[in-house]
Every structure is written in structure tokens, then in C-alpha cells.
Amino acid sequence: MIHITIELPPKKVFLSLFPHEPKPSLYKDKTMSTPANQQKPVTPQNQSTAEKVASPLVALSSRTDPYPHFFMSGACAIGSYYAYNAMKNNQLALIAGGIAAAYAYAGYLLGRGDEQLGYNLATATSLALVAATGPKALQAKDPFNVSMASLGGLSSLGNFVKAYQQRTGKPAEIRTSGK
């Protein structure tokens, strides 16, 4: 028979006769302190409200690119397959396939380091997706067109903000600091 013994470090227990007395290990100078490993976001100063709102979007996009473009390429490719097989709409399948190829190329450009052209192409592609699926999404409200128009709208917003940032340097990305 095998016996396994696991030893756990003892917990420190703080007992007080006065329940409202703060615990010394949790409070420093009677205020809460931020742990050293937790970072707080720091918004750059002297920004307009629109820049402050777009700053987290730009930071997220910078950390995740080019993967959202490859996701959109895959979503449009699946949409093209669905349009061809389930909806029997060859024209919509061809448009969705072309948009999928454009998103894939935009992601390739971003991965290669050609950010200006990559974001410009992705913005135009997103607007084309909204233009192709938006009117039918408003009329028929079928899941394919609604989902493609919604994804295209979100993608066009993110790509437009990043393309604008590439040209002007604004909005500045939100930073994190340890303090």
C-alpha cells in the first residue's frame, strides 16, 4: 500500500477582540493598496472624449492583430459556403468569398508589417461587407445577413480607428502601469 502525504503551509489567522479593527496585512495606512502584480490602465492626457473612448479599442487591436482579420476571413468563408449550399445564392457566395480573400490578404499585410495598407484594405473590405449584407439584414432579418452585417460593422469601426491612428498618431494607445 502506498501512502502519500501532502504538507500545506500553515495559514496565518488574525484574531481580534475588536471586529472593526483593520487587519494589518491587508491595509497600509488605513487605505487599500494595489498589489504589485496588478496593473491599472493609464489613459494619455489631453485627449478629447472620442479619443479616450477609442484608446482601449486601439490598444486591443494592436495586441491582437492580425488575428481578427483571419477570424473575419474564416467567418466570411463559412458564410460563402452557407450562401452557396443552404441559400442557393451564387452571387452572395461569390461576394462573401471575395471578401474572405480580401480579409486574409489584409491580415497577411498586417503580419508582414505593412500596417497602413493592411488597415486601409481591411476598412474597405469591412465597408463592402456591410454594403453587401446590410440592406438584406434590415429587410429579411435572416441570420446570415444579420451576423455578417454586424461583424462587418464592428470590424469597420476597429479598422477605421486603426487606419486613422496610423495616419495621425491619435488616439494614443492606453497604457498600463504598475503604480
C-alpha atoms as a PDB file:
ATOM      1  CA  MET A   1       0.000   0.000   0.000  1.00  0.00           C
ATOM      2  CA  ILE A   2       1.272   3.484  -0.925  1.00  0.00           C
ATOM      3  CA  HIS A   3       0.779   6.449   1.382  1.00  0.00           C
ATOM      4  CA  ILE A   4       1.031   9.974   0.045  1.00  0.00           C
ATOM      5  CA  THR A   5       1.384  12.871   2.428  1.00  0.00           C
ATOM      6  CA  ILE A   6       0.844  16.432   1.286  1.00  0.00           C
ATOM      7  CA  GLU A   7       2.005  19.173   3.596  1.00  0.00           C
ATOM      8  CA  LEU A   8       0.384  22.563   3.209  1.00  0.00           C
ATOM      9  CA  PRO A   9       1.911  25.743   4.603  1.00  0.00           C
ATOM     10  CA  PRO A  10       0.121  26.968   7.709  1.00  0.00           C
ATOM     11  CA  LYS A  11      -2.347  29.817   7.260  1.00  0.00           C
ATOM     12  CA  LYS A  12      -1.868  32.965   9.236  1.00  0.00           C
ATOM     13  CA  VAL A  13      -5.002  33.742  11.181  1.00  0.00           C
ATOM     14  CA  PHE A  14      -5.699  37.212  12.515  1.00  0.00           C
ATOM     15  CA  LEU A  15      -7.935  37.283  15.526  1.00  0.00           C
ATOM     16  CA  SER A  16      -9.064  40.481  17.112  1.00  0.00           C
ATOM     17  CA  LEU A  17     -11.225  41.301  20.061  1.00  0.00           C
ATOM     18  CA  PHE A  18     -12.418  44.394  18.222  1.00  0.00           C
ATOM     19  CA  PRO A  19     -14.223  43.430  14.994  1.00  0.00           C
ATOM     20  CA  HIS A  20     -13.846  46.873  13.361  1.00  0.00           C
ATOM     21  CA  GLU A  21     -10.081  46.961  13.689  1.00  0.00           C
ATOM     22  CA  PRO A  22      -8.407  46.705  10.256  1.00  0.00           C
ATOM     23  CA  LYS A  23      -6.188  43.752   9.500  1.00  0.00           C
ATOM     24  CA  PRO A  24      -2.584  44.941   9.342  1.00  0.00           C
ATOM     25  CA  SER A  25      -1.633  42.608   6.475  1.00  0.00           C
ATOM     26  CA  LEU A  26      -4.375  43.961   4.179  1.00  0.00           C
ATOM     27  CA  TYR A  27      -4.314  47.666   4.953  1.00  0.00           C
ATOM     28  CA  LYS A  28      -1.464  50.082   4.709  1.00  0.00           C
ATOM     29  CA  ASP A  29      -2.030  53.459   6.342  1.00  0.00           C
ATOM     30  CA  LYS A  30      -5.751  52.617   6.570  1.00  0.00           C
ATOM     31  CA  THR A  31      -6.134  52.666   2.762  1.00  0.00           C
ATOM     32  CA  MET A  32      -6.316  49.826   0.294  1.00  0.00           C
ATOM     33  CA  SER A  33      -3.117  49.278  -1.656  1.00  0.00           C
ATOM     34  CA  THR A  34      -2.838  47.836  -5.155  1.00  0.00           C
ATOM     35  CA  PRO A  35      -0.905  44.566  -5.370  1.00  0.00           C
ATOM     36  CA  ALA A  36       2.397  44.884  -7.195  1.00  0.00           C
ATOM     37  CA  ASN A  37       1.400  42.467  -9.973  1.00  0.00           C
ATOM     38  CA  GLN A  38      -1.910  44.208 -10.763  1.00  0.00           C
ATOM     39  CA  GLN A  39      -1.665  46.930 -13.395  1.00  0.00           C
ATOM     40  CA  LYS A  40      -4.036  49.850 -13.696  1.00  0.00           C
ATOM     41  CA  PRO A  41      -4.805  51.358 -17.123  1.00  0.00           C
ATOM     42  CA  VAL A  42      -3.457  54.842 -17.695  1.00  0.00           C
ATOM     43  CA  THR A  43      -5.242  56.985 -20.271  1.00  0.00           C
ATOM     44  CA  PRO A  44      -2.992  59.519 -22.009  1.00  0.00           C
ATOM     45  CA  GLN A  45      -3.657  63.137 -21.019  1.00  0.00           C
ATOM     46  CA  ASN A  46      -5.043  65.961 -23.185  1.00  0.00           C
ATOM     47  CA  GLN A  47      -7.344  63.785 -25.268  1.00  0.00           C
ATOM     48  CA  SER A  48     -10.838  64.520 -26.472  1.00  0.00           C
ATOM     49  CA  THR A  49     -13.711  62.308 -25.373  1.00  0.00           C
ATOM     50  CA  ALA A  50     -13.731  60.448 -28.697  1.00  0.00           C
ATOM     51  CA  GLU A  51     -10.011  59.733 -28.372  1.00  0.00           C
ATOM     52  CA  LYS A  52     -10.468  58.496 -24.805  1.00  0.00           C
ATOM     53  CA  VAL A  53     -13.225  56.136 -25.969  1.00  0.00           C
ATOM     54  CA  ALA A  54     -11.208  54.866 -28.952  1.00  0.00           C
ATOM     55  CA  SER A  55      -7.973  54.435 -26.991  1.00  0.00           C
ATOM     56  CA  PRO A  56      -8.826  50.988 -25.495  1.00  0.00           C
ATOM     57  CA  LEU A  57     -10.052  49.793 -28.909  1.00  0.00           C
ATOM     58  CA  VAL A  58      -6.749  50.798 -30.482  1.00  0.00           C
ATOM     59  CA  ALA A  59      -4.763  49.094 -27.725  1.00  0.00           C
ATOM     60  CA  LEU A  60      -6.772  45.887 -28.076  1.00  0.00           C
ATOM     61  CA  SER A  61      -6.346  45.938 -31.829  1.00  0.00           C
ATOM     62  CA  SER A  62      -2.595  46.432 -31.527  1.00  0.00           C
ATOM     63  CA  ARG A  63      -2.270  43.447 -29.222  1.00  0.00           C
ATOM     64  CA  THR A  64      -4.427  41.061 -31.276  1.00  0.00           C
ATOM     65  CA  ASP A  65      -3.618  41.943 -34.895  1.00  0.00           C
ATOM     66  CA  PRO A  66      -3.660  40.226 -37.423  1.00  0.00           C
ATOM     67  CA  TYR A  67      -5.826  37.510 -35.829  1.00  0.00           C
ATOM     68  CA  PRO A  68      -9.182  39.366 -36.005  1.00  0.00           C
ATOM     69  CA  HIS A  69      -8.673  39.709 -39.751  1.00  0.00           C
ATOM     70  CA  PHE A  70      -8.060  35.993 -40.104  1.00  0.00           C
ATOM     71  CA  PHE A  71     -11.175  35.364 -37.993  1.00  0.00           C
ATOM     72  CA  MET A  72     -13.222  37.586 -40.300  1.00  0.00           C
ATOM     73  CA  SER A  73     -11.744  35.787 -43.295  1.00  0.00           C
ATOM     74  CA  GLY A  74     -12.831  32.449 -41.857  1.00  0.00           C
ATOM     75  CA  ALA A  75     -16.287  33.782 -40.953  1.00  0.00           C
ATOM     76  CA  CYS A  76     -16.788  35.093 -44.489  1.00  0.00           C
ATOM     77  CA  ALA A  77     -15.538  31.816 -45.966  1.00  0.00           C
ATOM     78  CA  ILE A  78     -18.061  29.893 -43.850  1.00  0.00           C
ATOM     79  CA  GLY A  79     -20.681  32.437 -44.895  1.00  0.00           C
ATOM     80  CA  SER A  80     -19.773  31.876 -48.530  1.00  0.00           C
ATOM     81  CA  TYR A  81     -20.199  28.127 -48.110  1.00  0.00           C
ATOM     82  CA  TYR A  82     -23.544  28.658 -46.368  1.00  0.00           C
ATOM     83  CA  ALA A  83     -24.763  31.076 -49.054  1.00  0.00           C
ATOM     84  CA  TYR A  84     -23.859  28.636 -51.812  1.00  0.00           C
ATOM     85  CA  ASN A  85     -25.226  25.426 -50.257  1.00  0.00           C
ATOM     86  CA  ALA A  86     -28.111  26.437 -47.996  1.00  0.00           C
ATOM     87  CA  MET A  87     -29.334  29.663 -49.559  1.00  0.00           C
ATOM     88  CA  LYS A  88     -28.578  28.648 -53.175  1.00  0.00           C
ATOM     89  CA  ASN A  89     -27.380  32.204 -53.840  1.00  0.00           C
ATOM     90  CA  ASN A  90     -24.299  32.026 -56.084  1.00  0.00           C
ATOM     91  CA  GLN A  91     -23.879  35.798 -56.269  1.00  0.00           C
ATOM     92  CA  LEU A  92     -23.788  36.244 -52.481  1.00  0.00           C
ATOM     93  CA  ALA A  93     -21.449  33.252 -52.154  1.00  0.00           C
ATOM     94  CA  LEU A  94     -19.037  34.825 -54.640  1.00  0.00           C
ATOM     95  CA  ILE A  95     -19.137  38.194 -52.851  1.00  0.00           C
ATOM     96  CA  ALA A  96     -18.556  36.564 -49.451  1.00  0.00           C
ATOM     97  CA  GLY A  97     -15.675  34.505 -50.871  1.00  0.00           C
ATOM     98  CA  GLY A  98     -14.040  37.616 -52.335  1.00  0.00           C
ATOM     99  CA  ILE A  99     -14.431  39.454 -49.035  1.00  0.00           C
ATOM    100  CA  ALA A 100     -12.891  36.457 -47.228  1.00  0.00           C
ATOM    101  CA  ALA A 101      -9.876  36.605 -49.549  1.00  0.00           C
ATOM    102  CA  ALA A 102      -9.520  40.366 -49.003  1.00  0.00           C
ATOM    103  CA  TYR A 103      -9.622  39.939 -45.212  1.00  0.00           C
ATOM    104  CA  ALA A 104      -6.996  37.189 -45.426  1.00  0.00           C
ATOM    105  CA  TYR A 105      -4.733  39.426 -47.519  1.00  0.00           C
ATOM    106  CA  ALA A 106      -5.220  42.334 -45.100  1.00  0.00           C
ATOM    107  CA  GLY A 107      -4.212  40.045 -42.219  1.00  0.00           C
ATOM    108  CA  TYR A 108      -1.186  38.921 -44.213  1.00  0.00           C
ATOM    109  CA  LEU A 109      -0.174  42.551 -44.807  1.00  0.00           C
ATOM    110  CA  LEU A 110      -0.527  43.349 -41.104  1.00  0.00           C
ATOM    111  CA  GLY A 111       1.527  40.305 -40.165  1.00  0.00           C
ATOM    112  CA  ARG A 112       4.213  41.309 -42.658  1.00  0.00           C
ATOM    113  CA  GLY A 113       4.415  44.799 -41.149  1.00  0.00           C
ATOM    114  CA  ASP A 114       2.675  46.837 -43.859  1.00  0.00           C
ATOM    115  CA  GLU A 115       0.141  48.279 -41.434  1.00  0.00           C
ATOM    116  CA  GLN A 116      -1.059  51.287 -43.425  1.00  0.00           C
ATOM    117  CA  LEU A 117      -2.075  49.255 -46.473  1.00  0.00           C
ATOM    118  CA  GLY A 118      -3.385  46.427 -44.297  1.00  0.00           C
ATOM    119  CA  TYR A 119      -5.737  48.666 -42.309  1.00  0.00           C
ATOM    120  CA  ASN A 120      -6.861  50.559 -45.415  1.00  0.00           C
ATOM    121  CA  LEU A 121      -7.724  47.301 -47.190  1.00  0.00           C
ATOM    122  CA  ALA A 122      -9.445  45.908 -44.098  1.00  0.00           C
ATOM    123  CA  THR A 123     -11.526  49.089 -43.707  1.00  0.00           C
ATOM    124  CA  ALA A 124     -12.636  48.965 -47.350  1.00  0.00           C
ATOM    125  CA  THR A 125     -13.374  45.249 -47.030  1.00  0.00           C
ATOM    126  CA  SER A 126     -15.453  45.776 -43.896  1.00  0.00           C
ATOM    127  CA  LEU A 127     -17.469  48.529 -45.562  1.00  0.00           C
ATOM    128  CA  ALA A 128     -18.006  46.273 -48.590  1.00  0.00           C
ATOM    129  CA  LEU A 129     -19.285  43.537 -46.282  1.00  0.00           C
ATOM    130  CA  VAL A 130     -21.721  45.939 -44.629  1.00  0.00           C
ATOM    131  CA  ALA A 131     -22.845  47.239 -48.048  1.00  0.00           C
ATOM    132  CA  ALA A 132     -23.402  43.689 -49.353  1.00  0.00           C
ATOM    133  CA  THR A 133     -25.294  42.316 -46.358  1.00  0.00           C
ATOM    134  CA  GLY A 134     -26.716  45.371 -44.585  1.00  0.00           C
ATOM    135  CA  PRO A 135     -29.799  46.039 -46.768  1.00  0.00           C
ATOM    136  CA  LYS A 136     -30.873  42.391 -46.703  1.00  0.00           C
ATOM    137  CA  ALA A 137     -30.293  42.262 -42.963  1.00  0.00           C
ATOM    138  CA  LEU A 138     -32.693  45.161 -42.492  1.00  0.00           C
ATOM    139  CA  GLN A 139     -35.307  43.698 -44.863  1.00  0.00           C
ATOM    140  CA  ALA A 140     -35.309  39.946 -44.326  1.00  0.00           C
ATOM    141  CA  LYS A 141     -33.652  39.722 -40.904  1.00  0.00           C
ATOM    142  CA  ASP A 142     -32.235  36.299 -41.725  1.00  0.00           C
ATOM    143  CA  PRO A 143     -29.375  35.114 -39.500  1.00  0.00           C
ATOM    144  CA  PHE A 144     -26.746  35.047 -42.244  1.00  0.00           C
ATOM    145  CA  ASN A 145     -27.114  38.659 -43.317  1.00  0.00           C
ATOM    146  CA  VAL A 146     -27.613  39.982 -39.787  1.00  0.00           C
ATOM    147  CA  SER A 147     -24.491  38.244 -38.471  1.00  0.00           C
ATOM    148  CA  MET A 148     -22.342  39.258 -41.451  1.00  0.00           C
ATOM    149  CA  ALA A 149     -23.533  42.887 -41.318  1.00  0.00           C
ATOM    150  CA  SER A 150     -22.908  43.032 -37.539  1.00  0.00           C
ATOM    151  CA  LEU A 151     -19.408  41.573 -37.841  1.00  0.00           C
ATOM    152  CA  GLY A 152     -18.668  43.906 -40.733  1.00  0.00           C
ATOM    153  CA  GLY A 153     -19.855  46.931 -38.743  1.00  0.00           C
ATOM    154  CA  LEU A 154     -17.676  46.077 -35.745  1.00  0.00           C
ATOM    155  CA  SER A 155     -14.724  45.327 -37.976  1.00  0.00           C
ATOM    156  CA  SER A 156     -15.110  48.552 -39.943  1.00  0.00           C
ATOM    157  CA  LEU A 157     -15.130  50.572 -36.712  1.00  0.00           C
ATOM    158  CA  GLY A 158     -11.956  48.933 -35.407  1.00  0.00           C
ATOM    159  CA  ASN A 159     -10.141  49.108 -38.743  1.00  0.00           C
ATOM    160  CA  PHE A 160     -11.121  52.731 -39.347  1.00  0.00           C
ATOM    161  CA  VAL A 161      -9.818  53.795 -35.941  1.00  0.00           C
ATOM    162  CA  LYS A 162      -6.526  51.952 -36.502  1.00  0.00           C
ATOM    163  CA  ALA A 163      -6.138  53.398 -40.029  1.00  0.00           C
ATOM    164  CA  TYR A 164      -6.757  56.866 -38.603  1.00  0.00           C
ATOM    165  CA  GLN A 165      -4.192  56.234 -35.876  1.00  0.00           C
ATOM    166  CA  GLN A 166      -1.633  55.145 -38.472  1.00  0.00           C
ATOM    167  CA  ARG A 167      -2.062  58.448 -40.299  1.00  0.00           C
ATOM    168  CA  THR A 168      -2.253  60.885 -37.384  1.00  0.00           C
ATOM    169  CA  GLY A 169      -0.884  59.135 -34.297  1.00  0.00           C
ATOM    170  CA  LYS A 170      -4.180  59.788 -32.495  1.00  0.00           C
ATOM    171  CA  PRO A 171      -5.741  58.319 -30.441  1.00  0.00           C
ATOM    172  CA  ALA A 172      -2.775  57.301 -28.344  1.00  0.00           C
ATOM    173  CA  GLU A 173      -2.946  53.772 -27.028  1.00  0.00           C
ATOM    174  CA  ILE A 174      -3.985  53.264 -23.440  1.00  0.00           C
ATOM    175  CA  ARG A 175      -1.024  52.082 -21.361  1.00  0.00           C
ATOM    176  CA  THR A 176      -0.779  50.045 -18.205  1.00  0.00           C
ATOM    177  CA  SER A 177       1.412  50.920 -15.284  1.00  0.00           C
ATOM    178  CA  GLY A 178       2.318  49.081 -12.133  1.00  0.00           C
ATOM    179  CA  LYS A 179       1.601  52.120  -9.958  1.00  0.00           C
END
